[in-house]
Amino acid sequence: MAVNLLAVGLGVAGLIVLGVAGARVVIAARMLNSQIARVHRQFKDKEDLRG
C-alpha cells in the first residue's frame, strides 16, 4: 500500500514538473516570437523609408 502511494506521489510530482517546464517553454516561445516580430517591423520601417 505504501509503495503504491509513493508511486502515485512520484507520478503526480513528475506531472507537475512537466507542466511547469511546458509553461516555461510556452512563455519563452511567446517572448521570442514578439522579439522577432519587433525586428521584422524595424526592417519593414527601414524599407519603407528607402522607398
PDB file of N, CA and C in Angstrom:
ATOM      1  N   MET A   1       0.824  -1.202   0.000  1.00  0.00           N
ATOM      2  CA  MET A   1       0.000   0.000   0.000  1.00  0.00           C
ATOM      3  C   MET A   1       0.866   1.263   0.000  1.00  0.00           C
ATOM      4  N   ALA A   2       1.871   1.295   0.848  1.00  0.00           N
ATOM      5  CA  ALA A   2       2.735   2.476   0.927  1.00  0.00           C
ATOM      6  C   ALA A   2       3.508   2.667  -0.365  1.00  0.00           C
ATOM      7  N   VAL A   3       3.885   1.548  -0.999  1.00  0.00           N
ATOM      8  CA  VAL A   3       4.630   1.634  -2.257  1.00  0.00           C
ATOM      9  C   VAL A   3       3.747   2.231  -3.342  1.00  0.00           C
ATOM     10  N   ASN A   4       2.480   1.854  -3.345  1.00  0.00           N
ATOM     11  CA  ASN A   4       1.551   2.403  -4.328  1.00  0.00           C
ATOM     12  C   ASN A   4       1.364   3.909  -4.135  1.00  0.00           C
ATOM     13  N   LEU A   5       1.246   4.328  -2.881  1.00  0.00           N
ATOM     14  CA  LEU A   5       1.092   5.758  -2.609  1.00  0.00           C
ATOM     15  C   LEU A   5       2.340   6.523  -3.017  1.00  0.00           C
ATOM     16  N   LEU A   6       3.500   5.931  -2.772  1.00  0.00           N
ATOM     17  CA  LEU A   6       4.752   6.565  -3.175  1.00  0.00           C
ATOM     18  C   LEU A   6       4.815   6.690  -4.692  1.00  0.00           C
ATOM     19  N   ALA A   7       4.424   5.632  -5.391  1.00  0.00           N
ATOM     20  CA  ALA A   7       4.445   5.659  -6.849  1.00  0.00           C
ATOM     21  C   ALA A   7       3.480   6.716  -7.391  1.00  0.00           C
ATOM     22  N   VAL A   8       2.312   6.804  -6.817  1.00  0.00           N
ATOM     23  CA  VAL A   8       1.340   7.810  -7.248  1.00  0.00           C
ATOM     24  C   VAL A   8       1.868   9.208  -6.954  1.00  0.00           C
ATOM     25  N   GLY A   9       2.456   9.391  -5.787  1.00  0.00           N
ATOM     26  CA  GLY A   9       3.014  10.692  -5.425  1.00  0.00           C
ATOM     27  C   GLY A   9       4.125  11.112  -6.365  1.00  0.00           C
ATOM     28  N   LEU A  10       5.011  10.173  -6.693  1.00  0.00           N
ATOM     29  CA  LEU A  10       6.090  10.487  -7.631  1.00  0.00           C
ATOM     30  C   LEU A  10       5.543  10.782  -9.022  1.00  0.00           C
ATOM     31  N   GLY A  11       4.514  10.063  -9.420  1.00  0.00           N
ATOM     32  CA  GLY A  11       3.899  10.317 -10.723  1.00  0.00           C
ATOM     33  C   GLY A  11       3.277  11.700 -10.789  1.00  0.00           C
ATOM     34  N   VAL A  12       2.577  12.080  -9.734  1.00  0.00           N
ATOM     35  CA  VAL A  12       1.962  13.410  -9.683  1.00  0.00           C
ATOM     36  C   VAL A  12       3.039  14.487  -9.676  1.00  0.00           C
ATOM     37  N   ALA A  13       4.094  14.270  -8.895  1.00  0.00           N
ATOM     38  CA  ALA A  13       5.191  15.242  -8.854  1.00  0.00           C
ATOM     39  C   ALA A  13       5.833  15.382 -10.232  1.00  0.00           C
ATOM     40  N   GLY A  14       6.000  14.267 -10.925  1.00  0.00           N
ATOM     41  CA  GLY A  14       6.565  14.313 -12.274  1.00  0.00           C
ATOM     42  C   GLY A  14       5.685  15.089 -13.235  1.00  0.00           C
ATOM     43  N   LEU A  15       4.381  14.896 -13.122  1.00  0.00           N
ATOM     44  CA  LEU A  15       3.456  15.635 -13.985  1.00  0.00           C
ATOM     45  C   LEU A  15       3.491  17.130 -13.687  1.00  0.00           C
ATOM     46  N   ILE A  16       3.636  17.475 -12.426  1.00  0.00           N
ATOM     47  CA  ILE A  16       3.729  18.895 -12.063  1.00  0.00           C
ATOM     48  C   ILE A  16       4.986  19.505 -12.660  1.00  0.00           C
ATOM     49  N   VAL A  17       6.101  18.780 -12.553  1.00  0.00           N
ATOM     50  CA  VAL A  17       7.363  19.274 -13.122  1.00  0.00           C
ATOM     51  C   VAL A  17       7.229  19.453 -14.628  1.00  0.00           C
ATOM     52  N   LEU A  18       6.615  18.486 -15.299  1.00  0.00           N
ATOM     53  CA  LEU A  18       6.416  18.601 -16.746  1.00  0.00           C
ATOM     54  C   LEU A  18       5.515  19.787 -17.088  1.00  0.00           C
ATOM     55  N   GLY A  19       4.489  20.005 -16.291  1.00  0.00           N
ATOM     56  CA  GLY A  19       3.599  21.136 -16.535  1.00  0.00           C
ATOM     57  C   GLY A  19       4.310  22.471 -16.386  1.00  0.00           C
ATOM     58  N   VAL A  20       5.132  22.592 -15.351  1.00  0.00           N
ATOM     59  CA  VAL A  20       5.881  23.834 -15.139  1.00  0.00           C
ATOM     60  C   VAL A  20       6.875  24.048 -16.269  1.00  0.00           C
ATOM     61  N   ALA A  21       7.580  22.980 -16.653  1.00  0.00           N
ATOM     62  CA  ALA A  21       8.550  23.101 -17.746  1.00  0.00           C
ATOM     63  C   ALA A  21       7.845  23.478 -19.048  1.00  0.00           C
ATOM     64  N   GLY A  22       6.700  22.879 -19.308  1.00  0.00           N
ATOM     65  CA  GLY A  22       5.942  23.208 -20.511  1.00  0.00           C
ATOM     66  C   GLY A  22       5.492  24.654 -20.518  1.00  0.00           C
ATOM     67  N   ALA A  23       5.054  25.146 -19.367  1.00  0.00           N
ATOM     68  CA  ALA A  23       4.631  26.546 -19.281  1.00  0.00           C
ATOM     69  C   ALA A  23       5.805  27.482 -19.537  1.00  0.00           C
ATOM     70  N   ARG A  24       6.977  27.125 -19.021  1.00  0.00           N
ATOM     71  CA  ARG A  24       8.159  27.970 -19.249  1.00  0.00           C
ATOM     72  C   ARG A  24       8.536  27.986 -20.725  1.00  0.00           C
ATOM     73  N   VAL A  25       8.395  26.850 -21.392  1.00  0.00           N
ATOM     74  CA  VAL A  25       8.699  26.789 -22.828  1.00  0.00           C
ATOM     75  C   VAL A  25       7.726  27.667 -23.607  1.00  0.00           C
ATOM     76  N   VAL A  26       6.459  27.606 -23.258  1.00  0.00           N
ATOM     77  CA  VAL A  26       5.454  28.424 -23.946  1.00  0.00           C
ATOM     78  C   VAL A  26       5.743  29.910 -23.741  1.00  0.00           C
ATOM     79  N   ILE A  27       6.084  30.293 -22.525  1.00  0.00           N
ATOM     80  CA  ILE A  27       6.397  31.703 -22.245  1.00  0.00           C
ATOM     81  C   ILE A  27       7.614  32.146 -23.039  1.00  0.00           C
ATOM     82  N   ALA A  28       8.653  31.306 -23.067  1.00  0.00           N
ATOM     83  CA  ALA A  28       9.866  31.657 -23.814  1.00  0.00           C
ATOM     84  C   ALA A  28       9.571  31.771 -25.302  1.00  0.00           C
ATOM     85  N   ALA A  29       8.737  30.876 -25.827  1.00  0.00           N
ATOM     86  CA  ALA A  29       8.399  30.925 -27.249  1.00  0.00           C
ATOM     87  C   ALA A  29       7.621  32.195 -27.583  1.00  0.00           C
ATOM     88  N   ARG A  30       6.717  32.595 -26.709  1.00  0.00           N
ATOM     89  CA  ARG A  30       5.956  33.828 -26.946  1.00  0.00           C
ATOM     90  C   ARG A  30       6.863  35.051 -26.910  1.00  0.00           C
ATOM     91  N   MET A  31       7.801  35.062 -25.961  1.00  0.00           N
ATOM     92  CA  MET A  31       8.729  36.193 -25.880  1.00  0.00           C
ATOM     93  C   MET A  31       9.599  36.264 -27.128  1.00  0.00           C
ATOM     94  N   LEU A  32      10.088  35.119 -27.573  1.00  0.00           N
ATOM     95  CA  LEU A  32      10.916  35.089 -28.779  1.00  0.00           C
ATOM     96  C   LEU A  32      10.109  35.542 -29.986  1.00  0.00           C
ATOM     97  N   ASN A  33       8.870  35.088 -30.078  1.00  0.00           N
ATOM     98  CA  ASN A  33       8.021  35.474 -31.200  1.00  0.00           C
ATOM     99  C   ASN A  33       7.788  36.982 -31.217  1.00  0.00           C
ATOM    100  N   SER A  34       7.579  37.573 -30.049  1.00  0.00           N
ATOM    101  CA  SER A  34       7.361  39.023 -30.014  1.00  0.00           C
ATOM    102  C   SER A  34       8.635  39.776 -30.382  1.00  0.00           C
ATOM    103  N   GLN A  35       9.791  39.263 -29.980  1.00  0.00           N
ATOM    104  CA  GLN A  35      11.055  39.904 -30.351  1.00  0.00           C
ATOM    105  C   GLN A  35      11.289  39.814 -31.861  1.00  0.00           C
ATOM    106  N   ILE A  36      10.988  38.669 -32.440  1.00  0.00           N
ATOM    107  CA  ILE A  36      11.149  38.501 -33.890  1.00  0.00           C
ATOM    108  C   ILE A  36      10.202  39.440 -34.631  1.00  0.00           C
ATOM    109  N   ALA A  37       8.969  39.550 -34.150  1.00  0.00           N
ATOM    110  CA  ALA A  37       8.004  40.452 -34.784  1.00  0.00           C
ATOM    111  C   ALA A  37       8.482  41.896 -34.706  1.00  0.00           C
ATOM    112  N   ARG A  38       9.083  42.277 -33.580  1.00  0.00           N
ATOM    113  CA  ARG A  38       9.595  43.646 -33.433  1.00  0.00           C
ATOM    114  C   ARG A  38      10.720  43.907 -34.419  1.00  0.00           C
ATOM    115  N   VAL A  39      11.617  42.947 -34.598  1.00  0.00           N
ATOM    116  CA  VAL A  39      12.719  43.112 -35.555  1.00  0.00           C
ATOM    117  C   VAL A  39      12.178  43.204 -36.975  1.00  0.00           C
ATOM    118  N   HIS A  40      11.182  42.387 -37.302  1.00  0.00           N
ATOM    119  CA  HIS A  40      10.572  42.457 -38.636  1.00  0.00           C
ATOM    120  C   HIS A  40       9.962  43.834 -38.881  1.00  0.00           C
ATOM    121  N   ARG A  41       9.295  44.375 -37.856  1.00  0.00           N
ATOM    122  CA  ARG A  41       8.711  45.713 -38.001  1.00  0.00           C
ATOM    123  C   ARG A  41       9.797  46.758 -38.221  1.00  0.00           C
ATOM    124  N   GLN A  42      10.915  46.624 -37.524  1.00  0.00           N
ATOM    125  CA  GLN A  42      12.013  47.580 -37.692  1.00  0.00           C
ATOM    126  C   GLN A  42      12.551  47.538 -39.112  1.00  0.00           C
ATOM    127  N   PHE A  43      12.742  46.331 -39.649  1.00  0.00           N
ATOM    128  CA  PHE A  43      13.237  46.217 -41.018  1.00  0.00           C
ATOM    129  C   PHE A  43      12.215  46.741 -42.015  1.00  0.00           C
ATOM    130  N   LYS A  44      10.934  46.492 -41.755  1.00  0.00           N
ATOM    131  CA  LYS A  44       9.893  46.987 -42.655  1.00  0.00           C
ATOM    132  C   LYS A  44       9.878  48.513 -42.652  1.00  0.00           C
ATOM    133  N   ASP A  45      10.029  49.108 -41.479  1.00  0.00           N
ATOM    134  CA  ASP A  45      10.063  50.572 -41.388  1.00  0.00           C
ATOM    135  C   ASP A  45      11.256  51.135 -42.154  1.00  0.00           C
ATOM    136  N   LYS A  46      12.406  50.484 -42.064  1.00  0.00           N
ATOM    137  CA  LYS A  46      13.590  50.959 -42.785  1.00  0.00           C
ATOM    138  C   LYS A  46      13.390  50.844 -44.292  1.00  0.00           C
ATOM    139  N   GLU A  47      12.749  49.754 -44.738  1.00  0.00           N
ATOM    140  CA  GLU A  47      12.484  49.586 -46.168  1.00  0.00           C
ATOM    141  C   GLU A  47      11.496  50.640 -46.651  1.00  0.00           C
ATOM    142  N   ASP A  48      10.512  50.967 -45.822  1.00  0.00           N
ATOM    143  CA  ASP A  48       9.533  51.988 -46.202  1.00  0.00           C
ATOM    144  C   ASP A  48      10.188  53.361 -46.329  1.00  0.00           C
ATOM    145  N   LEU A  49      11.174  53.640 -45.497  1.00  0.00           N
ATOM    146  CA  LEU A  49      11.861  54.930 -45.571  1.00  0.00           C
ATOM    147  C   LEU A  49      12.690  55.054 -46.846  1.00  0.00           C
ATOM    148  N   ARG A  50      13.195  53.928 -47.331  1.00  0.00           N
ATOM    149  CA  ARG A  50      14.005  53.951 -48.558  1.00  0.00           C
ATOM    150  C   ARG A  50      13.154  54.200 -49.790  1.00  0.00           C
ATOM    151  N   GLY A  51      11.928  53.709 -49.722  1.00  0.00           N
ATOM    152  CA  GLY A  51      11.046  53.945 -50.862  1.00  0.00           C
ATOM    153  C   GLY A  51      10.917  52.839 -51.779  1.00  0.00           C
TER     154      GLY A  51
END
